């Protein structure tokens, strides 16, 4: 019998119930001929480690022994994915630093499960190749495109702070990546703060020039998050997922060309763009350490100071207590 992990606000116990059959079957000394199976919904985006995991098909094999089928649910970006996590359409997914902060501020049921190491070079402030802008100081009074409340919003805050400037010294233009790219190419904005693979695409396709990236200023973590009830009830499933993610990041690190080929079709980007993006990833997947939680707390505090979230957060409250291996 296939049971989908899918919870509405009116059915808070559905995730636990949906996996009860799998847990019972796993605990039996003797398997029945018709072992109950469960469908685990995993949220993913077009770019990152999860679409590579999906393409390789190894997670399905690894979870099959635990009576778990995998169903992949695609989302356009991290905020939408975490909304899916919040309403129960998925039980596990991946996002950058900013989306889980906003989700937690909205009283989401998510928990931080694991993270990839920092990838500060995977986001940057860029200008057109012939722009007269040569430094952060040259940004005074200039129009800078960015996605509001995203990882690069935090990067911009830190870049300005490091150069004794504030948001009041520039003109922030809040646009999603596709609109920002159009405005950037037309010259409607003077600079753009953006992340990979959009960053790599701008470098390779229109020869955008980097003024500064995130190195020595930000971490730019990629987080793996789960529904709290599911995570606390089924650590063995999370262990399998994280182990598979680790194996996949090892493969991507050692086979970047092959990994880039797997992402060509879903992203629609050229191989060279994807290879450049992959080279700036953080490789490996690890449990959330106290240090990582503190660094994520700094991002949340900065967003609160900018009134981007309505209340101060305690990131540690959303960290999975029984850490995966």
Protein backbone atom coordinates (compact mmCIF):
# COMPACT_ATOMS: atom_id res chain seq x y z
CA UNK A 1 0.00 0.00 0.00
CA UNK A 2 1.42 3.42 -0.92
CA UNK A 3 0.75 6.25 1.49
CA UNK A 4 1.80 9.80 0.60
CA UNK A 5 3.42 12.07 3.18
CA UNK A 6 1.06 14.98 2.67
CA UNK A 7 -0.38 17.06 5.54
CA UNK A 8 -2.92 19.89 5.65
CA UNK A 9 -3.39 22.28 8.56
CA UNK A 10 -6.44 20.28 9.64
CA UNK A 11 -4.51 17.00 9.74
CA UNK A 12 -1.45 17.59 11.90
CA UNK A 13 -0.77 13.90 12.51
CA UNK A 14 -0.78 12.66 8.91
CA UNK A 15 3.01 12.43 8.54
CA UNK A 16 3.37 10.26 11.62
CA UNK A 17 0.48 8.08 10.53
CA UNK A 18 1.75 7.75 6.99
CA UNK A 19 5.04 6.32 8.15
CA UNK A 20 3.64 4.10 10.90
CA UNK A 21 3.37 1.14 8.57
CA UNK A 22 6.98 1.48 7.46
CA UNK A 23 8.26 1.72 11.03
CA UNK A 24 6.24 -1.31 12.08
CA UNK A 25 7.49 -3.32 9.13
CA UNK A 26 11.09 -2.33 9.79
CA UNK A 27 10.79 -3.44 13.41
CA UNK A 28 9.52 -6.91 12.60
CA UNK A 29 11.97 -9.77 12.84
CA UNK A 30 10.19 -11.49 10.01
CA UNK A 31 9.05 -9.69 6.84
CA UNK A 32 5.59 -10.27 5.51
CA UNK A 33 5.18 -11.11 1.86
CA UNK A 34 3.34 -7.84 1.23
CA UNK A 35 5.39 -5.26 3.10
CA UNK A 36 3.67 -1.89 3.46
CA UNK A 37 5.40 0.96 1.61
CA UNK A 38 5.34 4.71 2.10
CA UNK A 39 5.82 7.53 -0.38
CA UNK A 40 8.19 10.26 0.79
CA UNK A 41 7.74 13.60 -1.00
CA UNK A 42 11.01 15.49 -1.47
CA UNK A 43 11.09 19.08 -2.68
CA UNK A 44 13.84 20.15 -5.07
CA UNK A 45 14.83 23.00 -7.40
CA UNK A 46 16.33 22.85 -10.88
CA UNK A 47 19.88 23.50 -9.64
CA UNK A 48 21.79 21.99 -6.71
CA UNK A 49 22.62 18.61 -5.26
CA UNK A 50 19.06 17.28 -4.97
CA UNK A 51 18.33 17.36 -8.74
CA UNK A 52 21.56 15.42 -9.21
CA UNK A 53 20.43 12.89 -6.59
CA UNK A 54 17.15 12.63 -8.48
CA UNK A 55 18.89 12.11 -11.82
CA UNK A 56 21.19 9.39 -10.45
CA UNK A 57 18.34 7.43 -8.85
CA UNK A 58 20.40 6.07 -5.96
CA UNK A 59 18.23 7.43 -3.16
CA UNK A 60 15.28 5.38 -4.40
CA UNK A 61 17.39 2.24 -4.21
CA UNK A 62 18.75 3.13 -0.77
CA UNK A 63 15.30 3.78 0.72
CA UNK A 64 13.55 0.85 -0.92
CA UNK A 65 14.89 -1.53 1.75
CA UNK A 66 13.12 0.61 4.37
CA UNK A 67 9.81 0.36 2.56
CA UNK A 68 9.98 3.95 1.31
CA UNK A 69 9.23 5.15 -2.21
CA UNK A 70 10.41 8.61 -3.29
CA UNK A 71 8.29 11.18 -5.09
CA UNK A 72 10.06 14.31 -6.34
CA UNK A 73 8.22 17.65 -6.25
CA UNK A 74 9.78 20.58 -8.12
CA UNK A 75 9.65 24.17 -6.84
CA UNK A 76 10.85 27.38 -8.56
CA UNK A 77 12.76 28.65 -5.51
CA UNK A 78 13.49 28.14 -1.82
CA UNK A 79 10.59 30.20 -0.38
CA UNK A 80 8.00 28.21 -2.35
CA UNK A 81 9.68 24.94 -1.38
CA UNK A 82 9.53 25.82 2.31
CA UNK A 83 5.89 26.82 1.96
CA UNK A 84 5.36 23.34 0.53
CA UNK A 85 7.13 21.93 3.58
CA UNK A 86 4.96 24.05 5.84
CA UNK A 87 1.65 22.85 4.38
CA UNK A 88 2.76 19.23 4.10
CA UNK A 89 3.12 18.75 0.34
CA UNK A 90 6.74 17.71 0.95
CA UNK A 91 8.58 16.40 4.02
CA UNK A 92 12.18 17.19 3.02
CA UNK A 93 13.93 19.78 0.88
CA UNK A 94 16.86 22.12 0.32
CA UNK A 95 17.22 25.91 0.50
CA UNK A 96 19.79 28.62 1.13
CA UNK A 97 20.25 30.66 4.30
CA UNK A 98 17.41 33.17 3.90
CA UNK A 99 14.23 31.13 3.13
CA UNK A 100 14.28 29.08 6.38
CA UNK A 101 14.65 32.28 8.40
CA UNK A 102 11.47 33.70 6.89
CA UNK A 103 9.73 30.33 7.28
CA UNK A 104 10.68 30.12 10.96
CA UNK A 105 9.50 33.72 11.48
CA UNK A 106 6.11 32.60 10.13
CA UNK A 107 5.98 29.81 12.75
CA UNK A 108 6.82 27.05 10.31
CA UNK A 109 7.10 23.43 11.41
CA UNK A 110 10.53 23.00 9.76
CA UNK A 111 13.77 21.78 11.31
CA UNK A 112 17.34 22.18 10.07
CA UNK A 113 18.72 18.70 9.40
CA UNK A 114 22.12 19.24 7.76
CA UNK A 115 24.14 21.67 5.66
CA UNK A 116 26.78 21.80 2.98
CA UNK A 117 30.00 23.65 3.83
CA UNK A 118 30.18 27.39 3.07
CA UNK A 119 30.19 28.50 -0.57
CA UNK A 120 30.95 32.24 -0.28
CA UNK A 121 32.37 32.51 -3.81
CA UNK A 122 29.05 31.31 -5.25
CA UNK A 123 27.46 34.76 -4.86
CA UNK A 124 28.77 38.17 -5.83
CA UNK A 125 28.12 41.79 -6.67
CA UNK A 126 28.65 42.22 -10.40
CA UNK A 127 28.61 45.05 -12.93
CA UNK A 128 28.60 45.27 -16.73
CA UNK A 129 32.00 44.60 -18.29
CA UNK A 130 32.41 48.27 -19.35
CA UNK A 131 31.02 49.80 -16.16
CA UNK A 132 33.04 52.63 -14.57
CA UNK A 133 32.34 51.08 -11.14
CA UNK A 134 35.55 49.62 -9.76
CA UNK A 135 34.90 49.31 -6.01
CA UNK A 136 32.17 49.16 -3.39
CA UNK A 137 32.79 52.84 -2.64
CA UNK A 138 31.79 53.63 -6.23
CA UNK A 139 28.30 52.30 -5.48
CA UNK A 140 27.24 55.45 -3.61
CA UNK A 141 23.94 56.62 -5.07
CA UNK A 142 23.87 53.74 -7.57
CA UNK A 143 20.98 51.38 -8.35
CA UNK A 144 21.69 47.85 -7.20
CA UNK A 145 19.38 44.95 -8.11
CA UNK A 146 18.86 42.13 -5.64
CA UNK A 147 16.29 39.62 -4.50
CA UNK A 148 14.80 41.03 -1.30
CA UNK A 149 15.29 38.89 1.78
CA UNK A 150 17.62 36.45 0.04
CA UNK A 151 21.17 35.32 0.79
CA UNK A 152 22.49 38.12 -1.41
CA UNK A 153 20.53 40.69 0.59
CA UNK A 154 22.71 39.69 3.53
CA UNK A 155 25.82 39.77 1.32
CA UNK A 156 25.01 43.33 0.24
CA UNK A 157 24.54 44.42 3.86
CA UNK A 158 27.95 42.97 4.77
CA UNK A 159 29.70 44.47 1.72
CA UNK A 160 28.35 47.92 2.54
CA UNK A 161 29.16 47.56 6.22
CA UNK A 162 32.76 46.55 5.44
CA UNK A 163 33.12 49.77 3.43
CA UNK A 164 31.43 52.08 5.96
CA UNK A 165 28.26 52.36 3.89
CA UNK A 166 24.62 51.45 4.50
CA UNK A 167 21.56 50.77 2.38
CA UNK A 168 20.79 54.50 2.66
CA UNK A 169 23.89 55.20 0.56
CA UNK A 170 22.60 53.24 -2.44
CA UNK A 171 19.33 52.66 -4.29
CA UNK A 172 18.28 49.03 -3.76
CA UNK A 173 16.07 47.73 -6.56
CA UNK A 174 14.26 44.59 -5.45
CA UNK A 175 13.80 42.16 -8.32
CA UNK A 176 13.73 38.36 -8.74
CA UNK A 177 16.68 36.93 -10.74
CA UNK A 178 15.03 36.82 -14.18
CA UNK A 179 13.79 40.43 -13.95
CA UNK A 180 17.09 41.56 -12.45
CA UNK A 181 19.03 40.01 -15.33
CA UNK A 182 16.87 41.92 -17.83
CA UNK A 183 17.29 45.20 -15.95
CA UNK A 184 21.04 44.59 -15.63
CA UNK A 185 21.49 43.96 -19.35
CA UNK A 186 19.44 47.04 -20.30
CA UNK A 187 21.43 49.27 -17.94
CA UNK A 188 18.35 50.01 -15.82
CA UNK A 189 20.47 49.12 -12.77
CA UNK A 190 24.16 49.81 -12.16
CA UNK A 191 25.02 46.57 -10.34
CA UNK A 192 23.48 43.24 -9.43
CA UNK A 193 23.99 41.05 -6.37
CA UNK A 194 23.30 37.46 -7.39
CA UNK A 195 24.04 33.79 -6.74
CA UNK A 196 24.92 30.76 -8.86
CA UNK A 197 23.97 29.57 -11.40
CA UNK A 198 22.62 33.02 -12.40
CA UNK A 199 25.97 34.53 -11.39
CA UNK A 200 27.95 32.12 -13.56
CA UNK A 201 25.53 32.65 -16.45
CA UNK A 202 26.05 36.44 -16.32
CA UNK A 203 29.84 35.94 -16.26
CA UNK A 204 29.90 33.59 -19.23
CA UNK A 205 27.07 34.95 -21.36
CA UNK A 206 27.51 38.72 -21.04
CA UNK A 207 30.99 38.91 -19.46
CA UNK A 208 29.77 40.55 -16.26
CA UNK A 209 32.60 41.72 -14.01
CA UNK A 210 32.89 40.86 -10.30
CA UNK A 211 33.36 43.74 -7.87
CA UNK A 212 33.26 41.52 -4.80
CA UNK A 213 32.07 38.04 -3.86
CA UNK A 214 31.15 36.67 -0.46
CA UNK A 215 34.61 35.49 0.57
CA UNK A 216 35.66 36.65 4.06
CA UNK A 217 32.26 38.24 4.61
CA UNK A 218 29.50 35.61 4.44
CA UNK A 219 29.13 31.83 4.48
CA UNK A 220 26.35 31.18 1.98
CA UNK A 221 25.32 27.83 3.40
CA UNK A 222 22.97 25.42 1.69
CA UNK A 223 20.62 23.81 4.19
CA UNK A 224 18.63 20.57 4.16
CA UNK A 225 15.35 20.91 6.03
CA UNK A 226 12.53 18.62 7.03
CA UNK A 227 9.08 18.57 8.57
CA UNK A 228 9.67 18.46 12.34
CA UNK A 229 7.33 15.54 13.11
CA UNK A 230 8.72 13.45 10.27
CA UNK A 231 12.34 14.25 11.23
CA UNK A 232 11.89 13.42 14.89
CA UNK A 233 9.94 10.22 14.21
CA UNK A 234 12.11 8.75 11.45
CA UNK A 235 15.82 9.41 11.96
CA UNK A 236 16.70 6.24 10.05
CA UNK A 237 15.16 7.67 6.88
CA UNK A 238 17.01 10.96 7.37
CA UNK A 239 20.25 9.05 7.93
CA UNK A 240 19.81 7.34 4.58
CA UNK A 241 19.02 10.63 2.83
CA UNK A 242 22.03 12.43 4.31
CA UNK A 243 24.37 9.53 3.56
CA UNK A 244 23.17 9.54 -0.05
CA UNK A 245 23.63 13.32 -0.25
CA UNK A 246 27.18 12.93 1.05
CA UNK A 247 27.97 10.25 -1.51
CA UNK A 248 26.52 12.46 -4.23
CA UNK A 249 28.56 15.52 -3.27
CA UNK A 250 31.68 13.34 -3.34
CA UNK A 251 30.74 12.19 -6.83
CA UNK A 252 30.04 15.77 -7.98
CA UNK A 253 33.40 16.95 -6.61
CA UNK A 254 35.25 14.18 -8.43
CA UNK A 255 33.11 14.21 -11.59
CA UNK A 256 32.10 17.87 -12.16
CA UNK A 257 31.74 17.48 -15.93
CA UNK A 258 29.35 14.54 -15.55
CA UNK A 259 27.41 16.40 -12.87
CA UNK A 260 27.12 19.46 -15.12
CA UNK A 261 25.73 17.26 -17.90
CA UNK A 262 23.00 16.00 -15.56
CA UNK A 263 21.96 19.60 -14.87
CA UNK A 264 21.97 20.82 -18.49
CA UNK A 265 18.44 19.71 -19.31
CA UNK A 266 16.63 20.80 -16.11
CA UNK A 267 18.34 24.20 -15.95
CA UNK A 268 18.61 24.95 -19.68
CA UNK A 269 22.12 26.33 -19.06
CA UNK A 270 25.30 25.70 -21.02
CA UNK A 271 27.81 23.14 -19.78
CA UNK A 272 30.50 25.77 -19.10
CA UNK A 273 28.12 27.83 -16.96
CA UNK A 274 27.21 24.78 -14.89
CA UNK A 275 30.83 23.69 -14.50
CA UNK A 276 31.71 27.15 -13.18
CA UNK A 277 28.79 27.02 -10.74
CA UNK A 278 29.68 23.54 -9.52
CA UNK A 279 33.30 24.58 -8.92
CA UNK A 280 32.05 27.08 -6.32
CA UNK A 281 29.83 24.66 -4.38
CA UNK A 282 30.55 23.50 -0.85
CA UNK A 283 31.11 19.73 -0.93
CA UNK A 284 29.99 17.38 1.81
CA UNK A 285 26.86 17.26 3.97
CA UNK A 286 27.14 17.51 7.73
CA UNK A 287 24.85 17.82 10.79
CA UNK A 288 24.12 21.36 11.98
CA UNK A 289 26.91 22.35 14.36
CA UNK A 290 26.64 25.00 17.06
CA UNK A 291 28.95 27.18 14.97
CA UNK A 292 26.70 26.93 11.91
CA UNK A 293 23.62 27.66 14.04
CA UNK A 294 25.34 30.77 15.45
CA UNK A 295 26.27 31.95 11.97
CA UNK A 296 22.70 31.45 10.79
CA UNK A 297 21.60 33.39 13.88
CA UNK A 298 23.70 36.33 12.68
CA UNK A 299 21.80 36.33 9.36
CA UNK A 300 18.46 36.23 11.20
CA UNK A 301 19.53 39.08 13.49
CA UNK A 302 20.57 41.19 10.50
CA UNK A 303 17.22 40.62 8.80
CA UNK A 304 15.41 41.55 12.02
CA UNK A 305 17.48 44.75 12.30
CA UNK A 306 16.40 45.63 8.74
CA UNK A 307 12.75 44.88 9.69
CA UNK A 308 12.60 42.11 7.08
CA UNK A 309 11.18 39.73 9.69
CA UNK A 310 8.71 40.79 12.41
CA UNK A 311 10.37 39.22 15.43
CA UNK A 312 13.73 38.03 16.68
CA UNK A 313 14.40 34.33 16.16
CA UNK A 314 16.30 31.68 18.06
CA UNK A 315 17.74 29.52 15.27
CA UNK A 316 18.68 26.79 17.72
CA UNK A 317 14.95 26.23 18.35
CA UNK A 318 14.64 24.98 14.77
CA UNK A 319 17.71 22.71 14.75
CA UNK A 320 17.00 18.99 14.81
CA UNK A 321 17.87 17.83 18.33
CA UNK A 322 18.61 14.19 17.52
CA UNK A 323 21.18 14.89 14.84
CA UNK A 324 21.56 12.57 11.90
CA UNK A 325 24.83 10.70 11.56
